[in-house]
Amino acid sequence: MKNSTSKLALTLAASAALVATLVAAAPAPAAPANPATPAASKVASVRGGGTIFFPYSPKDDIRFTVDAESTPWTRPYPAPGPEKGLPTDARGRVTISHHYKETGFTAVAEAEIDCLVTGGKTATLTAVVKTANVDGWEGKRIGISVQDGQRGEPDRLGFSWGVANLDVKPDGTVAEGTVGTCMAPAPFTEVTKGTFKVTPAPLAPLP
């Protein structure tokens, strides 16, 4: 009886050792997919430069260059604002040049981009003017829209000053309106020389 018990104990011990060896050698199971973890976000951008035709200044040379890239949740605001920033936060630069043929003066401004949002091949962006040779422009937020022309259509561009941004008071008086982040009119002018490329992306997931 003692020998039988000893043999059974040895057999069980050997089986246990074999199972432990097999478990250790087996590959670890794949970690389950976490549906709450988003795939790597695509980055929205607008890049390029061109001359536009503005019907109210048909003889003037008006040019824009844009280099904008989305950087979601990177511009926190003090409370009660969005303390984590916005999904449309962005970085980059806009340069504007407007040569007035009648006077020979060329207005130039450079602005730092703070917001960008895309929808298909159309984008709106805003930027705060850092340098300008026009009084009252430094520190001003401007809005620009860009449409990347498809199937042979021309690119288009819109801007927030000149035709589209009035603040109408309750008494009927008007003043130039302020521009909120990513606010710009439809791209109402045609790009006659140069090109813009809009790379669209969905809104970034919550942080």
Protein backbone atom coordinates (compact mmCIF):
# COMPACT_ATOMS: atom_id res chain seq x y z
CA MET A 1 0.00 0.00 0.00
CA LYS A 2 2.84 2.34 0.89
CA ASN A 3 4.53 1.66 -2.51
CA SER A 4 1.26 2.32 -4.37
CA THR A 5 0.77 5.58 -2.52
CA SER A 6 4.36 6.62 -3.29
CA LYS A 7 3.94 5.81 -6.98
CA LEU A 8 0.68 7.78 -7.14
CA ALA A 9 2.32 10.75 -5.45
CA LEU A 10 5.23 10.66 -7.91
CA THR A 11 2.83 10.39 -10.87
CA LEU A 12 0.80 13.39 -9.65
CA ALA A 13 3.98 15.39 -9.05
CA ALA A 14 5.26 14.57 -12.54
CA SER A 15 1.91 15.54 -14.10
CA ALA A 16 1.87 18.81 -12.21
CA ALA A 17 5.41 19.60 -13.34
CA LEU A 18 4.48 18.83 -16.98
CA VAL A 19 1.41 21.08 -16.85
CA ALA A 20 3.47 23.89 -15.29
CA THR A 21 6.08 23.53 -18.05
CA LEU A 22 3.45 23.62 -20.81
CA VAL A 23 1.72 26.68 -19.30
CA ALA A 24 5.02 28.51 -18.98
CA ALA A 25 5.94 27.70 -22.59
CA ALA A 26 2.57 28.67 -24.06
CA PRO A 27 2.33 32.16 -25.57
CA ALA A 28 0.55 34.73 -23.45
CA PRO A 29 -3.02 35.43 -24.61
CA ALA A 30 -3.50 38.63 -26.56
CA ALA A 31 -4.76 41.52 -24.50
CA PRO A 32 -8.44 42.20 -25.22
CA ALA A 33 -9.12 45.19 -27.42
CA ASN A 34 -10.20 48.23 -25.48
CA PRO A 35 -12.98 49.93 -27.43
CA ALA A 36 -12.48 53.08 -25.35
CA THR A 37 -8.93 53.53 -26.69
CA PRO A 38 -9.09 55.50 -29.98
CA ALA A 39 -6.86 54.83 -32.94
CA ALA A 40 -4.07 57.28 -33.62
CA SER A 41 -5.71 60.55 -34.67
CA LYS A 42 -5.20 61.90 -38.15
CA VAL A 43 -3.86 65.44 -38.17
CA ALA A 44 -5.81 68.11 -40.03
CA SER A 45 -3.81 70.71 -41.93
CA VAL A 46 -3.98 73.49 -44.50
CA ARG A 47 -0.91 74.44 -46.50
CA GLY A 48 -0.20 76.53 -49.55
CA GLY A 49 -0.35 80.00 -50.99
CA GLY A 50 -2.01 81.92 -53.74
CA THR A 51 -3.40 85.10 -55.23
CA ILE A 52 -7.14 85.74 -55.06
CA PHE A 53 -9.54 87.75 -57.19
CA PHE A 54 -11.56 90.11 -54.99
CA PRO A 55 -14.36 91.72 -57.03
CA TYR A 56 -14.36 94.91 -54.94
CA SER A 57 -10.64 95.46 -55.60
CA PRO A 58 -10.27 93.86 -59.04
CA LYS A 59 -6.98 95.63 -59.89
CA ASP A 60 -5.23 94.91 -56.58
CA ASP A 61 -2.79 92.08 -55.91
CA ILE A 62 -4.02 90.17 -52.82
CA ARG A 63 -2.06 87.13 -51.63
CA PHE A 64 -2.37 84.65 -48.77
CA THR A 65 -0.03 81.97 -47.51
CA VAL A 66 -1.17 79.43 -44.92
CA ASP A 67 0.74 76.81 -42.95
CA ALA A 68 -1.67 75.38 -40.35
CA GLU A 69 -1.69 72.13 -38.40
CA SER A 70 -4.15 70.80 -35.85
CA THR A 71 -2.85 70.37 -32.27
CA PRO A 72 -5.94 69.34 -30.23
CA TRP A 73 -6.20 70.10 -26.52
CA THR A 74 -3.01 72.20 -26.37
CA ARG A 75 -4.35 75.69 -25.56
CA PRO A 76 -5.91 75.65 -22.08
CA TYR A 77 -8.05 78.59 -21.03
CA PRO A 78 -8.57 79.92 -17.51
CA ALA A 79 -11.85 78.98 -15.81
CA PRO A 80 -14.67 79.16 -16.65
CA GLY A 81 -13.22 78.51 -20.11
CA PRO A 82 -12.21 75.08 -21.43
CA GLU A 83 -9.31 74.29 -19.11
CA LYS A 84 -8.08 71.46 -21.37
CA GLY A 85 -8.28 73.54 -24.52
CA LEU A 86 -10.34 72.72 -27.60
CA PRO A 87 -10.34 69.85 -30.11
CA THR A 88 -9.76 72.52 -32.77
CA ASP A 89 -6.59 73.99 -31.25
CA ALA A 90 -3.92 74.53 -33.89
CA ARG A 91 -0.60 76.12 -34.66
CA GLY A 92 1.03 77.73 -37.69
CA ARG A 93 1.15 81.01 -39.52
CA VAL A 94 -0.81 83.09 -42.02
CA THR A 95 0.74 85.83 -44.14
CA ILE A 96 -1.38 88.39 -45.99
CA SER A 97 -0.20 90.86 -48.62
CA HIS A 98 -2.50 93.41 -50.27
CA HIS A 99 -0.95 95.68 -52.89
CA TYR A 100 -3.20 98.65 -53.74
CA LYS A 101 -2.58 99.50 -57.38
CA GLU A 102 -4.13 102.96 -57.10
CA THR A 103 -1.81 104.17 -54.31
CA GLY A 104 1.13 101.78 -54.64
CA PHE A 105 0.90 100.88 -50.94
CA THR A 106 1.30 97.23 -49.87
CA ALA A 107 -0.35 96.19 -46.62
CA VAL A 108 1.33 93.20 -44.97
CA ALA A 109 0.36 91.20 -41.89
CA GLU A 110 1.58 88.01 -40.23
CA ALA A 111 -0.66 86.12 -37.83
CA GLU A 112 -0.30 83.12 -35.52
CA ILE A 113 -2.92 80.41 -36.00
CA ASP A 114 -4.91 79.36 -32.94
CA CYS A 115 -7.78 77.27 -34.36
CA LEU A 116 -8.43 74.93 -37.31
CA VAL A 117 -11.39 72.74 -38.24
CA THR A 118 -12.03 70.82 -41.47
CA GLY A 119 -15.03 69.34 -43.23
CA GLY A 120 -14.12 67.41 -46.33
CA LYS A 121 -11.88 69.61 -48.44
CA THR A 122 -13.01 72.83 -46.75
CA ALA A 123 -11.37 74.33 -43.68
CA THR A 124 -11.87 77.33 -41.44
CA LEU A 125 -9.11 78.73 -39.29
CA THR A 126 -8.41 81.75 -37.14
CA ALA A 127 -5.19 83.53 -36.34
CA VAL A 128 -4.08 86.44 -34.16
CA VAL A 129 -2.10 89.15 -35.95
CA LYS A 130 1.40 89.55 -34.54
CA THR A 131 2.90 92.09 -36.93
CA ALA A 132 1.30 94.46 -39.43
CA ASN A 133 1.98 97.77 -41.14
CA VAL A 134 -1.69 98.75 -40.87
CA ASP A 135 -2.92 100.59 -37.77
CA GLY A 136 -5.24 98.61 -35.52
CA TRP A 137 -4.37 95.18 -36.85
CA GLU A 138 -1.84 93.94 -34.29
CA GLY A 139 -3.57 91.75 -31.72
CA LYS A 140 -6.65 91.29 -33.91
CA ARG A 141 -8.06 87.79 -34.54
CA ILE A 142 -8.91 87.13 -38.18
CA GLY A 143 -10.88 84.29 -39.74
CA ILE A 144 -10.03 82.55 -43.02
CA SER A 145 -11.74 79.76 -44.94
CA VAL A 146 -10.09 77.60 -47.59
CA GLN A 147 -11.68 75.23 -50.10
CA ASP A 148 -9.37 72.79 -51.85
CA GLY A 149 -10.82 72.62 -55.38
CA GLN A 150 -11.60 69.15 -56.69
CA ARG A 151 -12.17 67.70 -60.18
CA GLY A 152 -10.60 70.67 -61.92
CA GLU A 153 -12.42 73.32 -59.88
CA PRO A 154 -10.34 76.26 -58.59
CA ASP A 155 -9.38 76.64 -54.95
CA ARG A 156 -11.36 79.24 -53.04
CA LEU A 157 -10.72 81.45 -50.02
CA GLY A 158 -12.77 83.66 -47.71
CA PHE A 159 -11.77 86.16 -45.04
CA SER A 160 -13.57 87.80 -42.14
CA TRP A 161 -12.93 91.49 -42.88
CA GLY A 162 -14.27 93.72 -45.59
CA VAL A 163 -17.62 92.12 -46.46
CA ALA A 164 -18.76 89.63 -43.86
CA ASN A 165 -18.24 90.65 -40.26
CA LEU A 166 -20.53 93.35 -38.85
CA ASP A 167 -21.88 93.53 -35.33
CA VAL A 168 -25.40 95.01 -35.45
CA LYS A 169 -26.37 96.71 -32.19
CA PRO A 170 -29.94 96.68 -30.75
CA ASP A 171 -30.36 100.31 -31.81
CA GLY A 172 -29.48 99.42 -35.41
CA THR A 173 -25.97 100.88 -35.42
CA VAL A 174 -23.16 98.70 -36.73
CA ALA A 175 -19.54 98.11 -35.86
CA GLU A 176 -16.86 95.68 -36.92
CA GLY A 177 -17.53 92.39 -35.16
CA THR A 178 -15.04 90.32 -33.23
CA VAL A 179 -13.95 86.92 -34.54
CA GLY A 180 -14.29 83.86 -32.32
CA THR A 181 -12.05 80.82 -32.63
CA CYS A 182 -12.46 78.98 -35.95
CA MET A 183 -15.12 81.45 -37.13
CA ALA A 184 -14.83 82.46 -40.80
CA PRO A 185 -17.21 83.12 -43.71
CA ALA A 186 -17.64 80.80 -46.67
CA PRO A 187 -14.76 80.84 -49.20
CA PHE A 188 -16.24 83.55 -51.40
CA THR A 189 -13.23 84.43 -53.59
CA GLU A 190 -11.43 82.42 -56.25
CA VAL A 191 -7.73 81.59 -56.14
CA THR A 192 -6.34 82.67 -59.52
CA LYS A 193 -2.69 81.74 -58.99
CA GLY A 194 -1.15 79.20 -56.62
CA THR A 195 -2.77 76.37 -54.73
CA PHE A 196 -3.93 75.27 -51.27
CA LYS A 197 -4.09 71.74 -49.91
CA VAL A 198 -6.60 70.84 -47.19
CA THR A 199 -5.98 67.59 -45.33
CA PRO A 200 -9.20 66.80 -43.46
CA ALA A 201 -9.53 64.93 -40.17
CA PRO A 202 -12.37 64.22 -37.74
CA LEU A 203 -12.55 66.04 -34.45
CA ALA A 204 -10.09 64.66 -31.90
CA PRO A 205 -11.50 62.42 -29.14
CA LEU A 206 -11.93 63.79 -25.64
CA PRO A 207 -8.68 63.77 -23.66
